[in-house]
Amino acid sequence: MNVRLRLLASLAAFAAGVVAVIIVALLLAPLARADGDPASDWLLQRSLFVPPDAGISKGDQQALTSLLQSAKAQGYTLHVAVIATRYDMGAVTVLFKRPTDYAPFLSQEVRFIYRQRVLVVMPNGFAIANNGKRDPAEQQVVAKLQAPKPFHGAALTAAVENAVRKLAAAQGIVLPNVPVAASGSNTTTRDRILIGVGAGLLVLVALGVSYWRRRRKV
């Protein structure tokens, strides 16, 4: 009887382990895909990928999205991926600061759903691809553009807007004016708040450690 119970207990433990492994695998699968190439996941459903470290405010992101929607309404469909740092590349960091290589790569990643233009904006330049392939004619348009310095906030927003307008204009399309928020000031204020909060937390931690040490001595 004891042998049976032990056998049943062992089988139950094994089954529980298998279920746990399956659950963990299912949970990690979407995370692994997102880490592989974040921009490709995002651009399957949206026209603009902007990572948090780019410093572009929500208002400016909405303005750029509206600009892209206006271009699409006039027959010029374009998705944009802003890549501010190596961390924004996920698992394909080897293509960081290689926009002319990353643009066709990204375009191929999304072409099973989206088969139009993809513009990549990196700290060292711009690149465009169309339906998984390089587009030499439109690349000539963006190759003349300079990446902003600093590659952050309002300056970056203006550079992306200018690139979209230049590409559309090359096709004879004039885009309407889109109000751009003062993202630079918003970002600065936010950074100051975060720095202040961080400093306060460090002070609290230091006080806690000091109190704990005094208690131990007592």
N, C-alpha and C. Protein backbone atom coordinates (compact mmCIF):
# COMPACT_ATOMS: atom_id res chain seq x y z
N MET A 1 0.83 -1.21 0.00
CA MET A 1 0.00 0.00 0.00
C MET A 1 0.86 1.24 0.00
N ASN A 2 1.89 1.23 0.83
CA ASN A 2 2.80 2.38 0.89
C ASN A 2 3.51 2.59 -0.43
N VAL A 3 3.84 1.48 -1.10
CA VAL A 3 4.52 1.58 -2.39
C VAL A 3 3.63 2.27 -3.40
N ARG A 4 2.32 1.91 -3.39
CA ARG A 4 1.38 2.55 -4.31
C ARG A 4 1.27 4.04 -4.04
N LEU A 5 1.17 4.38 -2.79
CA LEU A 5 1.05 5.79 -2.42
C LEU A 5 2.28 6.58 -2.87
N ARG A 6 3.45 5.96 -2.66
CA ARG A 6 4.68 6.64 -3.08
C ARG A 6 4.71 6.82 -4.59
N LEU A 7 4.25 5.77 -5.31
CA LEU A 7 4.23 5.84 -6.76
C LEU A 7 3.29 6.93 -7.24
N LEU A 8 2.09 6.96 -6.63
CA LEU A 8 1.12 8.00 -7.01
C LEU A 8 1.65 9.40 -6.69
N ALA A 9 2.31 9.51 -5.54
CA ALA A 9 2.87 10.81 -5.15
C ALA A 9 3.95 11.24 -6.13
N SER A 10 4.78 10.28 -6.55
CA SER A 10 5.85 10.60 -7.51
C SER A 10 5.27 11.04 -8.85
N LEU A 11 4.21 10.31 -9.31
CA LEU A 11 3.57 10.66 -10.58
C LEU A 11 2.93 12.05 -10.50
N ALA A 12 2.29 12.33 -9.34
CA ALA A 12 1.65 13.63 -9.17
C ALA A 12 2.69 14.76 -9.19
N ALA A 13 3.84 14.53 -8.53
CA ALA A 13 4.90 15.53 -8.50
C ALA A 13 5.47 15.75 -9.90
N PHE A 14 5.65 14.65 -10.65
CA PHE A 14 6.16 14.76 -12.02
C PHE A 14 5.20 15.55 -12.90
N ALA A 15 3.91 15.22 -12.79
CA ALA A 15 2.90 15.92 -13.60
C ALA A 15 2.87 17.41 -13.26
N ALA A 16 2.96 17.72 -11.95
CA ALA A 16 2.97 19.13 -11.54
C ALA A 16 4.18 19.86 -12.11
N GLY A 17 5.33 19.17 -12.13
CA GLY A 17 6.53 19.79 -12.70
C GLY A 17 6.39 20.07 -14.17
N VAL A 18 5.80 19.11 -14.90
CA VAL A 18 5.60 19.29 -16.34
C VAL A 18 4.66 20.46 -16.61
N VAL A 19 3.58 20.54 -15.84
CA VAL A 19 2.63 21.65 -16.01
C VAL A 19 3.31 22.97 -15.72
N ALA A 20 4.13 23.02 -14.69
CA ALA A 20 4.83 24.27 -14.34
C ALA A 20 5.76 24.71 -15.46
N VAL A 21 6.48 23.73 -16.04
CA VAL A 21 7.39 24.06 -17.14
C VAL A 21 6.62 24.61 -18.34
N ILE A 22 5.48 23.99 -18.65
CA ILE A 22 4.66 24.44 -19.78
C ILE A 22 4.15 25.86 -19.55
N ILE A 23 3.69 26.12 -18.32
CA ILE A 23 3.16 27.46 -18.00
C ILE A 23 4.25 28.51 -18.13
N VAL A 24 5.43 28.22 -17.61
CA VAL A 24 6.55 29.17 -17.70
C VAL A 24 6.92 29.42 -19.15
N ALA A 25 6.94 28.36 -19.95
CA ALA A 25 7.29 28.51 -21.37
C ALA A 25 6.29 29.39 -22.09
N LEU A 26 5.00 29.20 -21.79
CA LEU A 26 3.96 30.01 -22.42
C LEU A 26 4.07 31.47 -22.02
N LEU A 27 4.44 31.70 -20.76
CA LEU A 27 4.56 33.08 -20.29
C LEU A 27 5.77 33.77 -20.88
N LEU A 28 6.85 33.05 -21.07
CA LEU A 28 8.09 33.65 -21.56
C LEU A 28 8.11 33.81 -23.07
N ALA A 29 7.29 33.05 -23.80
CA ALA A 29 7.31 33.11 -25.26
C ALA A 29 7.07 34.50 -25.82
N PRO A 30 5.96 35.20 -25.42
CA PRO A 30 5.76 36.54 -25.96
C PRO A 30 6.83 37.52 -25.55
N LEU A 31 7.41 37.33 -24.34
CA LEU A 31 8.47 38.23 -23.89
C LEU A 31 9.71 38.05 -24.75
N ALA A 32 10.01 36.82 -25.09
CA ALA A 32 11.18 36.56 -25.92
C ALA A 32 11.02 37.20 -27.28
N ARG A 33 9.81 37.15 -27.85
CA ARG A 33 9.57 37.75 -29.16
C ARG A 33 9.71 39.26 -29.08
N ALA A 34 9.17 39.86 -28.02
CA ALA A 34 9.23 41.31 -27.88
C ALA A 34 10.67 41.76 -27.74
N ASP A 35 11.50 40.99 -26.98
CA ASP A 35 12.89 41.36 -26.79
C ASP A 35 13.69 41.17 -28.07
N GLY A 36 13.23 40.28 -28.99
CA GLY A 36 13.96 40.02 -30.21
C GLY A 36 14.07 41.24 -31.09
N ASP A 37 12.98 41.93 -31.29
CA ASP A 37 12.98 43.10 -32.15
C ASP A 37 11.74 43.93 -31.82
N PRO A 38 11.81 44.77 -30.80
CA PRO A 38 10.63 45.52 -30.33
C PRO A 38 9.92 46.32 -31.41
N ALA A 39 10.67 46.98 -32.29
CA ALA A 39 10.06 47.83 -33.31
C ALA A 39 9.20 47.01 -34.27
N SER A 40 9.64 45.80 -34.62
CA SER A 40 8.87 44.98 -35.56
C SER A 40 7.54 44.56 -34.96
N ASP A 41 7.51 44.25 -33.66
CA ASP A 41 6.25 43.90 -33.01
C ASP A 41 5.31 45.10 -33.01
N TRP A 42 5.86 46.26 -32.70
CA TRP A 42 5.05 47.47 -32.56
C TRP A 42 4.47 47.91 -33.90
N LEU A 43 5.30 47.89 -34.95
CA LEU A 43 4.87 48.41 -36.25
C LEU A 43 3.92 47.49 -37.00
N LEU A 44 3.66 46.32 -36.46
CA LEU A 44 2.64 45.46 -37.08
C LEU A 44 1.26 46.07 -36.94
N GLN A 45 1.06 46.84 -35.86
CA GLN A 45 -0.26 47.40 -35.58
C GLN A 45 -0.28 48.93 -35.59
N ARG A 46 0.87 49.56 -35.47
CA ARG A 46 0.92 51.02 -35.35
C ARG A 46 1.90 51.60 -36.35
N SER A 47 1.76 52.89 -36.61
CA SER A 47 2.60 53.54 -37.62
C SER A 47 3.86 54.17 -37.04
N LEU A 48 3.97 54.24 -35.72
CA LEU A 48 5.11 54.94 -35.11
C LEU A 48 5.63 54.17 -33.91
N PHE A 49 6.93 53.87 -33.94
CA PHE A 49 7.60 53.25 -32.79
C PHE A 49 8.54 54.26 -32.18
N VAL A 50 8.30 54.63 -30.93
CA VAL A 50 9.16 55.57 -30.21
C VAL A 50 9.49 54.97 -28.85
N PRO A 51 10.74 54.61 -28.59
CA PRO A 51 11.12 54.05 -27.29
C PRO A 51 11.13 55.13 -26.22
N PRO A 52 10.97 54.75 -24.96
CA PRO A 52 10.95 55.74 -23.87
C PRO A 52 12.22 56.58 -23.79
N ASP A 53 13.39 56.00 -24.13
CA ASP A 53 14.63 56.76 -23.98
C ASP A 53 14.83 57.81 -25.07
N ALA A 54 13.89 57.91 -26.01
CA ALA A 54 13.98 58.95 -27.04
C ALA A 54 13.56 60.31 -26.51
N GLY A 55 12.84 60.33 -25.39
CA GLY A 55 12.44 61.59 -24.78
C GLY A 55 11.37 62.36 -25.53
N ILE A 56 10.63 61.69 -26.41
CA ILE A 56 9.56 62.35 -27.17
C ILE A 56 8.26 62.25 -26.37
N SER A 57 7.65 63.37 -26.08
CA SER A 57 6.46 63.40 -25.24
C SER A 57 5.27 62.72 -25.91
N LYS A 58 4.27 62.40 -25.11
CA LYS A 58 3.05 61.79 -25.65
C LYS A 58 2.38 62.72 -26.66
N GLY A 59 2.39 64.02 -26.36
CA GLY A 59 1.79 64.98 -27.28
C GLY A 59 2.48 64.99 -28.64
N ASP A 60 3.82 64.94 -28.62
CA ASP A 60 4.56 64.92 -29.88
C ASP A 60 4.37 63.60 -30.62
N GLN A 61 4.27 62.51 -29.88
CA GLN A 61 4.00 61.23 -30.52
C GLN A 61 2.64 61.24 -31.22
N GLN A 62 1.66 61.83 -30.58
CA GLN A 62 0.34 61.94 -31.19
C GLN A 62 0.37 62.82 -32.43
N ALA A 63 1.16 63.91 -32.35
CA ALA A 63 1.28 64.81 -33.50
C ALA A 63 1.93 64.10 -34.69
N LEU A 64 2.99 63.33 -34.42
CA LEU A 64 3.65 62.59 -35.49
C LEU A 64 2.73 61.51 -36.07
N THR A 65 1.98 60.86 -35.21
CA THR A 65 1.03 59.85 -35.68
C THR A 65 -0.03 60.48 -36.57
N SER A 66 -0.50 61.65 -36.19
CA SER A 66 -1.49 62.37 -37.01
C SER A 66 -0.90 62.74 -38.37
N LEU A 67 0.37 63.12 -38.37
CA LEU A 67 1.05 63.46 -39.63
C LEU A 67 1.11 62.23 -40.54
N LEU A 68 1.44 61.08 -39.98
CA LEU A 68 1.51 59.85 -40.75
C LEU A 68 0.12 59.43 -41.26
N GLN A 69 -0.88 59.66 -40.46
CA GLN A 69 -2.25 59.35 -40.88
C GLN A 69 -2.68 60.25 -42.04
N SER A 70 -2.29 61.52 -41.97
CA SER A 70 -2.59 62.46 -43.05
C SER A 70 -1.91 62.04 -44.34
N ALA A 71 -0.65 61.61 -44.21
CA ALA A 71 0.09 61.15 -45.40
C ALA A 71 -0.59 59.92 -46.01
N LYS A 72 -1.02 59.00 -45.15
CA LYS A 72 -1.70 57.80 -45.64
C LYS A 72 -3.00 58.15 -46.35
N ALA A 73 -3.73 59.11 -45.80
CA ALA A 73 -5.00 59.52 -46.41
C ALA A 73 -4.79 60.09 -47.81
N GLN A 74 -3.58 60.62 -48.06
CA GLN A 74 -3.28 61.19 -49.38
C GLN A 74 -2.52 60.21 -50.28
N GLY A 75 -2.45 58.95 -49.82
CA GLY A 75 -1.85 57.92 -50.66
C GLY A 75 -0.40 57.60 -50.39
N TYR A 76 0.18 58.17 -49.33
CA TYR A 76 1.58 57.89 -49.00
C TYR A 76 1.63 57.22 -47.63
N THR A 77 1.77 55.89 -47.64
CA THR A 77 1.76 55.11 -46.40
C THR A 77 3.19 54.90 -45.91
N LEU A 78 3.43 55.24 -44.65
CA LEU A 78 4.76 55.16 -44.08
C LEU A 78 4.68 54.81 -42.59
N HIS A 79 5.50 53.87 -42.15
CA HIS A 79 5.67 53.58 -40.74
C HIS A 79 7.08 54.02 -40.34
N VAL A 80 7.21 54.50 -39.11
CA VAL A 80 8.48 55.07 -38.65
C VAL A 80 8.95 54.37 -37.38
N ALA A 81 10.23 54.02 -37.35
CA ALA A 81 10.84 53.44 -36.15
C ALA A 81 11.99 54.34 -35.70
N VAL A 82 11.84 54.90 -34.50
CA VAL A 82 12.90 55.72 -33.92
C VAL A 82 13.75 54.82 -33.02
N ILE A 83 15.04 54.78 -33.26
CA ILE A 83 15.95 53.95 -32.47
C ILE A 83 16.97 54.89 -31.82
N ALA A 84 16.79 55.12 -30.52
CA ALA A 84 17.64 56.10 -29.83
C ALA A 84 18.93 55.50 -29.29
N THR A 85 18.85 54.28 -28.76
CA THR A 85 20.03 53.63 -28.17
C THR A 85 20.09 52.17 -28.58
N ARG A 86 21.20 51.53 -28.26
CA ARG A 86 21.38 50.11 -28.57
C ARG A 86 20.31 49.24 -27.91
N TYR A 87 19.83 49.66 -26.73
CA TYR A 87 18.84 48.87 -25.99
C TYR A 87 17.51 48.78 -26.74
N ASP A 88 17.24 49.73 -27.64
CA ASP A 88 15.99 49.73 -28.40
C ASP A 88 15.98 48.67 -29.49
N MET A 89 17.12 48.01 -29.72
CA MET A 89 17.23 47.03 -30.80
C MET A 89 16.87 45.62 -30.34
N GLY A 90 16.65 45.42 -29.04
CA GLY A 90 16.36 44.08 -28.56
C GLY A 90 17.55 43.17 -28.78
N ALA A 91 17.31 42.07 -29.49
CA ALA A 91 18.37 41.07 -29.72
C ALA A 91 19.18 41.34 -30.97
N VAL A 92 18.85 42.39 -31.73
CA VAL A 92 19.58 42.66 -32.98
C VAL A 92 20.46 43.90 -32.83
N THR A 93 21.17 43.97 -31.71
CA THR A 93 22.02 45.13 -31.45
C THR A 93 23.14 45.27 -32.47
N VAL A 94 23.46 44.20 -33.18
CA VAL A 94 24.51 44.27 -34.18
C VAL A 94 24.17 45.27 -35.28
N LEU A 95 22.89 45.58 -35.45
CA LEU A 95 22.46 46.52 -36.50
C LEU A 95 22.30 47.94 -35.98
N PHE A 96 22.68 48.19 -34.74
CA PHE A 96 22.58 49.56 -34.22
C PHE A 96 23.58 50.46 -34.95
N LYS A 97 23.14 51.65 -35.30
CA LYS A 97 23.91 52.62 -36.09
C LYS A 97 24.24 52.09 -37.48
N ARG A 98 23.40 51.19 -37.96
CA ARG A 98 23.48 50.71 -39.34
C ARG A 98 22.08 50.83 -39.95
N PRO A 99 21.57 52.05 -40.07
CA PRO A 99 20.19 52.24 -40.51
C PRO A 99 19.88 51.67 -41.89
N THR A 100 20.85 51.75 -42.82
CA THR A 100 20.58 51.22 -44.16
C THR A 100 20.49 49.71 -44.19
N ASP A 101 21.02 49.04 -43.18
CA ASP A 101 20.86 47.59 -43.06
C ASP A 101 19.63 47.22 -42.24
N TYR A 102 19.37 48.03 -41.21
CA TYR A 102 18.25 47.71 -40.34
C TYR A 102 16.91 47.99 -41.01
N ALA A 103 16.83 49.00 -41.87
CA ALA A 103 15.55 49.34 -42.52
C ALA A 103 14.99 48.17 -43.33
N PRO A 104 15.76 47.55 -44.24
CA PRO A 104 15.21 46.39 -44.96
C PRO A 104 14.96 45.20 -44.06
N PHE A 105 15.80 45.02 -43.03
CA PHE A 105 15.59 43.94 -42.07
C PHE A 105 14.24 44.11 -41.37
N LEU A 106 13.98 45.32 -40.88
CA LEU A 106 12.72 45.61 -40.19
C LEU A 106 11.54 45.46 -41.13
N SER A 107 11.71 45.93 -42.36
CA SER A 107 10.64 45.84 -43.35
C SER A 107 10.29 44.39 -43.65
N GLN A 108 11.31 43.53 -43.69
CA GLN A 108 11.06 42.10 -43.91
C GLN A 108 10.33 41.48 -42.72
N GLU A 109 10.66 41.96 -41.50
CA GLU A 109 10.04 41.43 -40.29
C GLU A 109 8.52 41.67 -40.27
N VAL A 110 8.08 42.78 -40.85
CA VAL A 110 6.66 43.14 -40.76
C VAL A 110 5.89 42.90 -42.06
N ARG A 111 6.55 42.47 -43.11
CA ARG A 111 5.91 42.44 -44.42
C ARG A 111 4.80 41.40 -44.55
N PHE A 112 4.72 40.43 -43.65
CA PHE A 112 3.61 39.48 -43.75
C PHE A 112 2.27 40.13 -43.39
N ILE A 113 2.32 41.31 -42.78
CA ILE A 113 1.11 42.09 -42.51
C ILE A 113 1.18 43.47 -43.18
N TYR A 114 2.34 44.11 -43.06
CA TYR A 114 2.50 45.48 -43.58
C TYR A 114 3.55 45.48 -44.69
N ARG A 115 3.14 45.89 -45.91
CA ARG A 115 4.02 45.82 -47.06
C ARG A 115 4.29 47.19 -47.69
N GLN A 116 4.33 48.19 -46.87
CA GLN A 116 4.60 49.53 -47.37
C GLN A 116 5.95 50.03 -46.83
N ARG A 117 6.14 51.31 -46.88
CA ARG A 117 7.43 51.91 -46.51
C ARG A 117 7.68 51.86 -45.00
N VAL A 118 8.96 51.69 -44.66
CA VAL A 118 9.41 51.75 -43.27
C VAL A 118 10.61 52.70 -43.20
N LEU A 119 10.48 53.73 -42.39
CA LEU A 119 11.57 54.68 -42.18
C LEU A 119 12.23 54.41 -40.84
N VAL A 120 13.54 54.28 -40.84
CA VAL A 120 14.32 54.09 -39.61
C VAL A 120 15.09 55.37 -39.32
N VAL A 121 14.99 55.82 -38.06
CA VAL A 121 15.69 57.02 -37.63
C VAL A 121 16.66 56.65 -36.52
N MET A 122 17.96 56.80 -36.77
CA MET A 122 19.00 56.46 -35.80
C MET A 122 19.89 57.67 -35.55
N PRO A 123 20.71 57.63 -34.49
CA PRO A 123 21.57 58.77 -34.18
C PRO A 123 22.55 59.14 -35.28
N ASN A 124 22.82 58.22 -36.20
CA ASN A 124 23.78 58.52 -37.26
C ASN A 124 23.13 58.60 -38.64
N GLY A 125 21.80 58.70 -38.69
CA GLY A 125 21.18 58.89 -39.99
C GLY A 125 19.82 58.23 -40.17
N PHE A 126 19.29 58.37 -41.40
CA PHE A 126 17.97 57.87 -41.75
C PHE A 126 18.10 56.82 -42.85
N ALA A 127 17.14 55.90 -42.89
CA ALA A 127 17.10 54.91 -43.96
C ALA A 127 15.66 54.48 -44.19
N ILE A 128 15.35 54.10 -45.43
CA ILE A 128 13.98 53.70 -45.75
C ILE A 128 14.01 52.43 -46.60
N ALA A 129 13.02 51.59 -46.38
CA ALA A 129 12.84 50.36 -47.16
C ALA A 129 11.37 50.23 -47.50
N ASN A 130 11.09 49.41 -48.50
CA ASN A 130 9.71 49.26 -48.96
C ASN A 130 9.45 47.78 -49.28
N ASN A 131 8.49 47.19 -48.58
CA ASN A 131 8.10 45.80 -48.81
C ASN A 131 9.29 44.85 -48.71
N GLY A 132 10.11 45.07 -47.68
CA GLY A 132 11.22 44.17 -47.43
C GLY A 132 12.47 44.43 -48.25
N LYS A 133 12.46 45.49 -49.05
CA LYS A 133 13.62 45.76 -49.92
C LYS A 133 14.07 47.22 -49.76
N ARG A 134 15.32 47.45 -50.10
CA ARG A 134 15.83 48.81 -50.11
C ARG A 134 15.11 49.62 -51.19
N ASP A 135 15.01 50.92 -50.96
CA ASP A 135 14.36 51.81 -51.93
C ASP A 135 15.36 52.91 -52.29
N PRO A 136 16.18 52.70 -53.33
CA PRO A 136 17.24 53.66 -53.66
C PRO A 136 16.74 55.07 -53.93
N ALA A 137 15.60 55.21 -54.60
CA ALA A 137 15.09 56.53 -54.94
C ALA A 137 14.73 57.32 -53.69
N GLU A 138 13.98 56.71 -52.78
CA GLU A 138 13.58 57.42 -51.56
C GLU A 138 14.74 57.53 -50.57
N GLN A 139 15.69 56.59 -50.66
CA GLN A 139 16.85 56.68 -49.80
C GLN A 139 17.67 57.94 -50.11
N GLN A 140 17.67 58.34 -51.37
CA GLN A 140 18.37 59.57 -51.74
C GLN A 140 17.78 60.78 -51.03
N VAL A 141 16.47 60.74 -50.78
CA VAL A 141 15.80 61.86 -50.10
C VAL A 141 16.27 61.96 -48.66
N VAL A 142 16.25 60.84 -47.94
CA VAL A 142 16.59 60.87 -46.51
C VAL A 142 18.11 60.87 -46.27
N ALA A 143 18.88 60.45 -47.26
CA ALA A 143 20.33 60.43 -47.09
C ALA A 143 20.88 61.84 -46.93
N LYS A 144 20.15 62.83 -47.41
CA LYS A 144 20.59 64.23 -47.32
C LYS A 144 20.31 64.84 -45.95
N LEU A 145 19.52 64.14 -45.13
CA LEU A 145 19.10 64.69 -43.84
C LEU A 145 20.12 64.37 -42.75
N GLN A 146 20.29 65.31 -41.84
CA GLN A 146 21.20 65.13 -40.72
C GLN A 146 20.43 64.74 -39.46
N ALA A 147 20.94 63.77 -38.74
CA ALA A 147 20.32 63.39 -37.46
C ALA A 147 20.52 64.54 -36.46
N PRO A 148 19.52 64.82 -35.63
CA PRO A 148 19.62 65.95 -34.70
C PRO A 148 20.60 65.68 -33.56
N LYS A 149 21.16 66.74 -33.04
CA LYS A 149 22.00 66.67 -31.85
C LYS A 149 21.53 67.75 -30.89
N PRO A 150 21.02 67.37 -29.72
CA PRO A 150 20.97 66.00 -29.19
C PRO A 150 19.89 65.17 -29.88
N PHE A 151 20.12 63.88 -29.91
CA PHE A 151 19.15 62.95 -30.50
C PHE A 151 18.12 62.61 -29.43
N HIS A 152 17.26 63.59 -29.14
CA HIS A 152 16.38 63.44 -27.98
C HIS A 152 15.32 64.54 -28.01
N GLY A 153 14.14 64.23 -27.49
CA GLY A 153 13.12 65.24 -27.23
C GLY A 153 12.63 66.01 -28.44
N ALA A 154 12.50 67.32 -28.25
CA ALA A 154 11.91 68.19 -29.26
C ALA A 154 12.71 68.20 -30.55
N ALA A 155 14.06 68.19 -30.43
CA ALA A 155 14.90 68.19 -31.63
C ALA A 155 14.68 66.93 -32.46
N LEU A 156 14.54 65.82 -31.79
CA LEU A 156 14.30 64.55 -32.47
C LEU A 156 12.92 64.54 -33.12
N THR A 157 11.94 65.06 -32.43
CA THR A 157 10.59 65.16 -32.99
C THR A 157 10.60 65.96 -34.28
N ALA A 158 11.27 67.12 -34.26
CA ALA A 158 11.34 67.98 -35.43
C ALA A 158 12.04 67.27 -36.60
N ALA A 159 13.08 66.49 -36.29
CA ALA A 159 13.81 65.78 -37.34
C ALA A 159 12.95 64.71 -38.00
N VAL A 160 12.18 63.97 -37.19
CA VAL A 160 11.28 62.95 -37.73
C VAL A 160 10.20 63.61 -38.58
N GLU A 161 9.62 64.69 -38.08
CA GLU A 161 8.59 65.41 -38.84
C GLU A 161 9.14 65.89 -40.18
N ASN A 162 10.34 66.44 -40.16
CA ASN A 162 10.94 66.95 -41.38
C ASN A 162 11.18 65.83 -42.39
N ALA A 163 11.64 64.67 -41.92
CA ALA A 163 11.88 63.54 -42.81
C ALA A 163 10.59 63.07 -43.47
N VAL A 164 9.53 62.98 -42.68
CA VAL A 164 8.24 62.54 -43.23
C VAL A 164 7.76 63.53 -44.29
N ARG A 165 7.88 64.82 -43.99
CA ARG A 165 7.44 65.85 -44.95
C ARG A 165 8.27 65.80 -46.24
N LYS A 166 9.58 65.61 -46.11
CA LYS A 166 10.44 65.56 -47.28
C LYS A 166 10.09 64.37 -48.17
N LEU A 167 9.86 63.21 -47.56
CA LEU A 167 9.50 62.02 -48.33
C LEU A 167 8.17 62.19 -49.05
N ALA A 168 7.19 62.75 -48.33
CA ALA A 168 5.88 62.98 -48.94
C ALA A 168 5.99 64.00 -50.07
N ALA A 169 6.76 65.07 -49.85
CA ALA A 169 6.91 66.11 -50.86
C ALA A 169 7.55 65.57 -52.14
N ALA A 170 8.46 64.59 -51.97
CA ALA A 170 9.11 63.99 -53.14
C ALA A 170 8.11 63.25 -54.02
N GLN A 171 6.97 62.88 -53.42
CA GLN A 171 5.90 62.23 -54.16
C GLN A 171 4.79 63.21 -54.56
N GLY A 172 5.05 64.50 -54.37
CA GLY A 172 4.07 65.52 -54.74
C GLY A 172 2.97 65.73 -53.72
N ILE A 173 3.22 65.31 -52.48
CA ILE A 173 2.20 65.42 -51.43
C ILE A 173 2.63 66.46 -50.41
N VAL A 174 1.76 67.43 -50.16
CA VAL A 174 2.02 68.46 -49.16
C VAL A 174 1.19 68.15 -47.93
N LEU A 175 1.85 67.94 -46.82
CA LEU A 175 1.16 67.58 -45.58
C LEU A 175 0.77 68.83 -44.80
N PRO A 176 -0.35 68.78 -44.09
CA PRO A 176 -0.81 69.95 -43.31
C PRO A 176 0.07 70.17 -42.09
N ASN A 177 0.01 71.36 -41.54
CA ASN A 177 0.75 71.66 -40.32
C ASN A 177 0.15 70.88 -39.15
N VAL A 178 1.01 70.32 -38.34
CA VAL A 178 0.58 69.56 -37.17
C VAL A 178 1.18 70.21 -35.93
N PRO A 179 0.36 70.59 -34.94
CA PRO A 179 0.92 71.21 -33.74
C PRO A 179 1.83 70.25 -32.98
N VAL A 180 3.02 70.72 -32.67
CA VAL A 180 3.99 69.91 -31.94
C VAL A 180 4.14 70.45 -30.53
N ALA A 181 4.00 69.58 -29.54
CA ALA A 181 4.09 70.01 -28.14
C ALA A 181 5.52 70.35 -27.79
N ALA A 182 5.69 71.12 -26.72
CA ALA A 182 7.02 71.50 -26.24
C ALA A 182 7.59 70.35 -25.43
N SER A 183 7.98 69.28 -26.13
CA SER A 183 8.42 68.07 -25.43
C SER A 183 9.69 68.27 -24.65
N GLY A 184 10.54 69.19 -25.11
CA GLY A 184 11.80 69.39 -24.42
C GLY A 184 11.59 69.83 -22.99
N SER A 185 10.69 70.84 -22.77
CA SER A 185 10.45 71.33 -21.41
C SER A 185 9.76 70.29 -20.57
N ASN A 186 8.87 69.52 -21.15
CA ASN A 186 8.18 68.48 -20.40
C ASN A 186 9.16 67.42 -19.93
N THR A 187 10.08 67.05 -20.84
CA THR A 187 11.06 66.02 -20.49
C THR A 187 11.99 66.51 -19.39
N THR A 188 12.41 67.78 -19.48
CA THR A 188 13.29 68.32 -18.46
C THR A 188 12.62 68.32 -17.10
N THR A 189 11.38 68.76 -17.06
CA THR A 189 10.65 68.78 -15.80
C THR A 189 10.50 67.37 -15.23
N ARG A 190 10.18 66.44 -16.09
CA ARG A 190 10.02 65.06 -15.63
C ARG A 190 11.32 64.52 -15.08
N ASP A 191 12.43 64.80 -15.78
CA ASP A 191 13.74 64.32 -15.33
C ASP A 191 14.08 64.90 -13.96
N ARG A 192 13.79 66.19 -13.77
CA ARG A 192 14.08 66.81 -12.48
C ARG A 192 13.28 66.16 -11.36
N ILE A 193 12.02 65.86 -11.65
CA ILE A 193 11.17 65.21 -10.65
C ILE A 193 11.73 63.84 -10.30
N LEU A 194 12.13 63.07 -11.34
CA LEU A 194 12.67 61.73 -11.11
C LEU A 194 13.97 61.78 -10.30
N ILE A 195 14.82 62.77 -10.63
CA ILE A 195 16.07 62.92 -9.89
C ILE A 195 15.80 63.24 -8.43
N GLY A 196 14.82 64.14 -8.20
CA GLY A 196 14.47 64.51 -6.83
C GLY A 196 13.93 63.34 -6.04
N VAL A 197 13.05 62.56 -6.67
CA VAL A 197 12.49 61.38 -6.01
C VAL A 197 13.59 60.37 -5.70
N GLY A 198 14.50 60.16 -6.67
CA GLY A 198 15.60 59.22 -6.46
C GLY A 198 16.50 59.64 -5.32
N ALA A 199 16.80 60.94 -5.26
CA ALA A 199 17.63 61.44 -4.18
C ALA A 199 16.96 61.24 -2.82
N GLY A 200 15.65 61.49 -2.77
CA GLY A 200 14.91 61.30 -1.53
C GLY A 200 14.93 59.86 -1.07
N LEU A 201 14.79 58.93 -2.02
CA LEU A 201 14.82 57.51 -1.67
C LEU A 201 16.19 57.10 -1.14
N LEU A 202 17.24 57.64 -1.75
CA LEU A 202 18.59 57.32 -1.27
C LEU A 202 18.80 57.80 0.16
N VAL A 203 18.28 58.99 0.46
CA VAL A 203 18.39 59.51 1.82
C VAL A 203 17.67 58.60 2.80
N LEU A 204 16.47 58.16 2.44
CA LEU A 204 15.69 57.28 3.31
C LEU A 204 16.42 55.96 3.54
N VAL A 205 17.01 55.41 2.47
CA VAL A 205 17.75 54.15 2.60
C VAL A 205 18.94 54.33 3.54
N ALA A 206 19.65 55.45 3.35
CA ALA A 206 20.81 55.72 4.21
C ALA A 206 20.41 55.84 5.67
N LEU A 207 19.30 56.52 5.93
CA LEU A 207 18.82 56.66 7.30
C LEU A 207 18.42 55.31 7.87
N GLY A 208 17.79 54.49 7.05
CA GLY A 208 17.38 53.17 7.51
C GLY A 208 18.57 52.30 7.87
N VAL A 209 19.62 52.33 7.03
CA VAL A 209 20.82 51.55 7.30
C VAL A 209 21.49 52.03 8.59
N SER A 210 21.56 53.36 8.74
CA SER A 210 22.18 53.92 9.95
C SER A 210 21.42 53.51 11.21
N TYR A 211 20.09 53.55 11.14
CA TYR A 211 19.26 53.15 12.29
C TYR A 211 19.46 51.68 12.61
N TRP A 212 19.53 50.85 11.55
CA TRP A 212 19.69 49.40 11.75
C TRP A 212 21.03 49.11 12.42
N ARG A 213 22.09 49.80 12.02
CA ARG A 213 23.40 49.59 12.62
C ARG A 213 23.42 49.98 14.09
N ARG A 214 22.77 51.11 14.41
CA ARG A 214 22.71 51.53 15.82
C ARG A 214 21.97 50.52 16.66
N ARG A 215 20.88 49.96 16.10
CA ARG A 215 20.11 48.94 16.83
C ARG A 215 20.94 47.71 17.10
N ARG A 216 21.79 47.32 16.15
CA ARG A 216 22.63 46.12 16.33
C ARG A 216 23.66 46.33 17.41
N LYS A 217 24.21 47.55 17.49
CA LYS A 217 25.19 47.85 18.53
C LYS A 217 24.59 47.78 19.92
N VAL A 218 23.31 48.20 20.00
CA VAL A 218 22.63 48.14 21.28
C VAL A 218 22.38 46.70 21.67
